Protein backbone atom coordinates (compact mmCIF):
# COMPACT_ATOMS: atom_id res chain seq x y z
CA MET A 1 -11.23 28.54 -15.86
CA LYS A 2 -8.82 26.26 -16.84
CA LYS A 3 -8.76 26.78 -20.45
CA PHE A 4 -8.39 30.41 -19.32
CA LEU A 5 -5.58 29.35 -17.58
CA LEU A 6 -3.79 26.97 -19.43
CA ALA A 7 -4.21 29.81 -22.47
CA ALA A 8 -2.43 32.45 -20.22
CA ALA A 9 0.31 29.90 -19.29
CA ALA A 10 1.14 29.57 -23.23
CA VAL A 11 1.40 33.14 -23.56
CA LEU A 12 3.43 33.58 -20.48
CA ALA A 13 5.41 31.52 -21.75
CA ILE A 14 6.72 33.23 -25.08
CA SER A 15 6.58 36.24 -23.25
CA SER A 16 10.40 37.60 -22.14
CA GLN A 17 9.57 39.55 -19.61
CA ALA A 18 9.66 36.73 -16.89
CA ASN A 19 10.73 37.50 -13.37
CA ALA A 20 12.58 34.03 -12.79
CA TYR A 21 12.72 33.00 -8.74
CA ASP A 22 16.61 32.95 -8.52
CA GLN A 23 16.74 31.47 -5.16
CA ASN A 24 14.09 29.43 -3.03
CA TYR A 25 10.94 30.95 -1.17
CA LEU A 26 8.29 29.93 1.23
CA GLN A 27 4.51 31.59 0.68
CA PHE A 28 2.05 31.59 3.59
CA GLY A 29 -1.64 32.23 2.71
CA LEU A 30 -4.73 32.56 4.48
CA GLY A 31 -8.26 33.10 2.84
CA ALA A 32 -11.50 31.25 1.81
CA ASP A 33 -13.70 29.17 -0.22
CA VAL A 34 -15.55 31.87 -2.45
CA ILE A 35 -17.94 30.11 -4.28
CA ARG A 36 -20.54 28.30 -2.90
CA SER A 37 -23.91 26.50 -3.15
CA SER A 38 -26.64 26.76 -0.86
CA ASP A 39 -26.46 22.70 -0.36
CA GLU A 40 -22.68 22.56 0.79
CA ASN A 41 -21.20 22.37 3.89
CA PRO A 42 -20.84 25.61 5.73
CA SER A 43 -17.80 28.33 4.74
CA SER A 44 -14.60 27.82 6.18
CA VAL A 45 -11.08 29.58 6.35
CA GLY A 46 -7.96 28.14 5.19
CA GLY A 47 -4.17 28.29 5.10
CA ARG A 48 -1.66 28.05 2.96
CA ALA A 49 2.38 26.71 3.56
CA GLU A 50 4.51 26.67 0.04
CA TRP A 51 7.76 25.90 -1.19
CA ARG A 52 9.03 27.51 -4.48
CA GLY A 53 12.09 26.47 -5.77
CA LYS A 54 14.65 28.28 -8.05
CA GLU A 55 13.98 28.70 -11.87
CA PHE A 56 14.54 25.25 -13.78
CA ASP A 57 17.67 24.45 -16.05
CA LYS A 58 15.87 25.71 -19.73
CA THR A 59 16.92 22.58 -21.03
CA SER A 60 14.64 20.99 -18.40
CA THR A 61 11.66 22.00 -19.06
CA PHE A 62 11.54 21.63 -22.59
CA GLY A 63 12.92 24.79 -23.54
CA ILE A 64 10.65 27.36 -21.57
CA SER A 65 12.16 29.00 -19.31
CA HIS A 66 11.52 30.74 -15.90
CA ILE A 67 9.81 27.79 -14.70
CA SER A 68 9.86 27.03 -11.14
CA PRO A 69 8.80 23.73 -8.55
CA ILE A 70 6.65 24.00 -5.64
CA ILE A 71 5.28 21.62 -3.30
CA GLY A 72 2.88 23.15 -0.56
CA ILE A 73 0.03 21.77 1.60
CA ASP A 74 -3.48 24.02 2.41
CA ALA A 75 -5.58 23.14 5.52
CA ASP A 76 -8.97 24.74 6.26
CA THR A 77 -10.84 25.15 9.64
CA ARG A 78 -13.50 22.22 8.67
CA GLY A 79 -10.96 19.55 8.60
CA ALA A 80 -9.77 19.49 5.10
CA ALA A 81 -6.32 19.06 3.91
CA TYR A 82 -4.29 18.96 0.44
CA ALA A 83 -0.59 17.83 0.08
CA PHE A 84 0.55 18.83 -3.78
CA VAL A 85 3.32 19.07 -6.41
CA GLY A 86 3.24 21.67 -9.29
CA LEU A 87 4.98 24.01 -11.29
CA LEU A 88 4.92 27.94 -11.95
CA TYR A 89 5.26 31.11 -13.86
CA ASP A 90 6.33 34.20 -12.22
CA TRP A 91 5.98 37.08 -14.92
CA ASN A 92 6.50 40.61 -14.04
CA PHE A 93 4.44 42.78 -16.54
CA TYR A 94 4.92 45.98 -14.62
CA ASP A 95 7.53 47.74 -12.25
CA ARG A 96 6.78 45.52 -8.95
CA TRP A 97 4.12 43.48 -9.95
CA SER A 98 4.06 40.08 -11.22
CA LEU A 99 1.40 37.68 -12.60
CA VAL A 100 2.21 34.00 -11.46
CA PRO A 101 -0.31 30.88 -12.55
CA ASN A 102 0.54 27.50 -11.81
CA LEU A 103 -0.85 23.95 -11.98
CA GLY A 104 -0.89 21.36 -9.88
CA PHE A 105 -1.43 18.12 -8.22
CA GLY A 106 -2.04 16.25 -4.78
CA ALA A 107 -3.96 14.34 -2.61
CA TYR A 108 -7.00 15.83 -0.70
CA HIS A 109 -8.04 14.85 2.47
CA GLN A 110 -12.04 16.23 2.82
CA GLY A 111 -12.68 15.88 6.66
CA ASP A 112 -16.12 17.85 7.36
CA SER A 113 -15.37 20.09 4.39
CA LYS A 114 -16.54 19.97 0.75
CA ASP A 115 -16.35 16.68 -0.73
CA LEU A 116 -14.42 17.12 -4.24
CA GLY A 117 -15.33 12.99 -5.60
CA GLY A 118 -12.10 11.73 -4.62
CA TRP A 119 -8.91 11.94 -2.79
CA PHE A 120 -6.27 12.51 -6.15
CA GLU A 121 -7.21 16.41 -7.12
CA PHE A 122 -5.26 18.84 -9.69
CA HIS A 123 -5.19 22.53 -9.22
CA ASP A 124 -4.94 25.38 -11.01
CA SER A 125 -4.34 29.10 -9.82
CA ILE A 126 -4.08 32.60 -10.86
CA GLU A 127 -1.68 35.04 -8.37
CA VAL A 128 -1.01 38.81 -8.32
CA ASP A 129 2.04 40.09 -6.60
CA TYR A 130 3.75 42.60 -5.34
CA ARG A 131 7.30 43.10 -4.60
CA LEU A 132 8.01 44.66 -1.47
CA ASP A 133 11.90 44.32 -1.89
CA ALA A 134 14.32 42.19 -3.55
CA LYS A 135 13.19 39.38 -1.29
CA SER A 136 9.91 39.61 0.12
CA GLN A 137 6.32 40.35 -2.29
CA VAL A 138 2.55 40.15 -1.12
CA GLY A 139 -0.32 38.64 -3.34
CA LEU A 140 -3.82 37.50 -3.96
CA ALA A 141 -4.24 34.17 -5.31
CA LEU A 142 -7.69 32.75 -6.65
CA THR A 143 -7.09 28.76 -6.64
CA HIS A 144 -9.12 26.04 -8.27
CA MET A 145 -9.37 22.48 -6.98
CA SER A 146 -11.24 19.47 -8.91
CA ASN A 147 -10.66 16.11 -10.00
CA ALA A 148 -11.18 17.18 -13.54
CA GLY A 149 -13.46 14.55 -14.29
CA ILE A 150 -11.81 11.75 -13.25
CA TYR A 151 -14.82 10.77 -10.53
CA SER A 152 -18.09 10.81 -11.06
CA HIS A 153 -18.56 13.49 -8.50
CA ASN A 154 -16.29 16.64 -9.44
CA PRO A 155 -18.06 19.85 -8.06
CA GLY A 156 -14.63 21.33 -7.88
CA LYS A 157 -13.54 24.39 -4.62
CA GLU A 158 -12.40 28.03 -5.16
CA ASP A 159 -10.13 29.83 -2.96
CA LEU A 160 -9.28 33.59 -2.39
CA MET A 161 -5.64 33.78 -0.41
CA LEU A 162 -4.18 36.63 0.85
CA THR A 163 -0.07 35.59 0.56
CA TYR A 164 2.81 36.67 1.50
CA ASN A 165 6.02 35.31 -0.10
CA PHE A 166 9.70 35.57 1.07
CA ALA A 167 13.30 34.40 -0.06
CA TYR A 168 15.60 32.56 2.43
């Protein structure tokens, strides 16, 4: 999945139909972990709060335009929490529809939730958004979180969330 998301981000980076964030946004999401094995802890419901900043200046992102910073936190009903930073790319592929891949890293607290192998984790996400008006959008995001093999235990975790973004 990581290779697919990285390839998608590279293709989108050279596309001319980007829909860059021209102002700051807040995103809130609600969802659950979607891929589980029978030996794992019971399923949990999770939430996300995320700040999405204005587009970076093209000169500060190696000549790639339409890149924005993100800072956020995920938490679930089993006590897990994940604070992260990263980058996103917002690509308007049709009328009011956007595809938003993002990559990041952060600190994970397990609680009674899934053991991901350690506290330092990476995440990648693909999101499809529908723009309601000039300042808000709803979407569906699939997020993968893992330690990329830096710890001996690396099961990964996938969450599916409904999201709402609004400019402020």
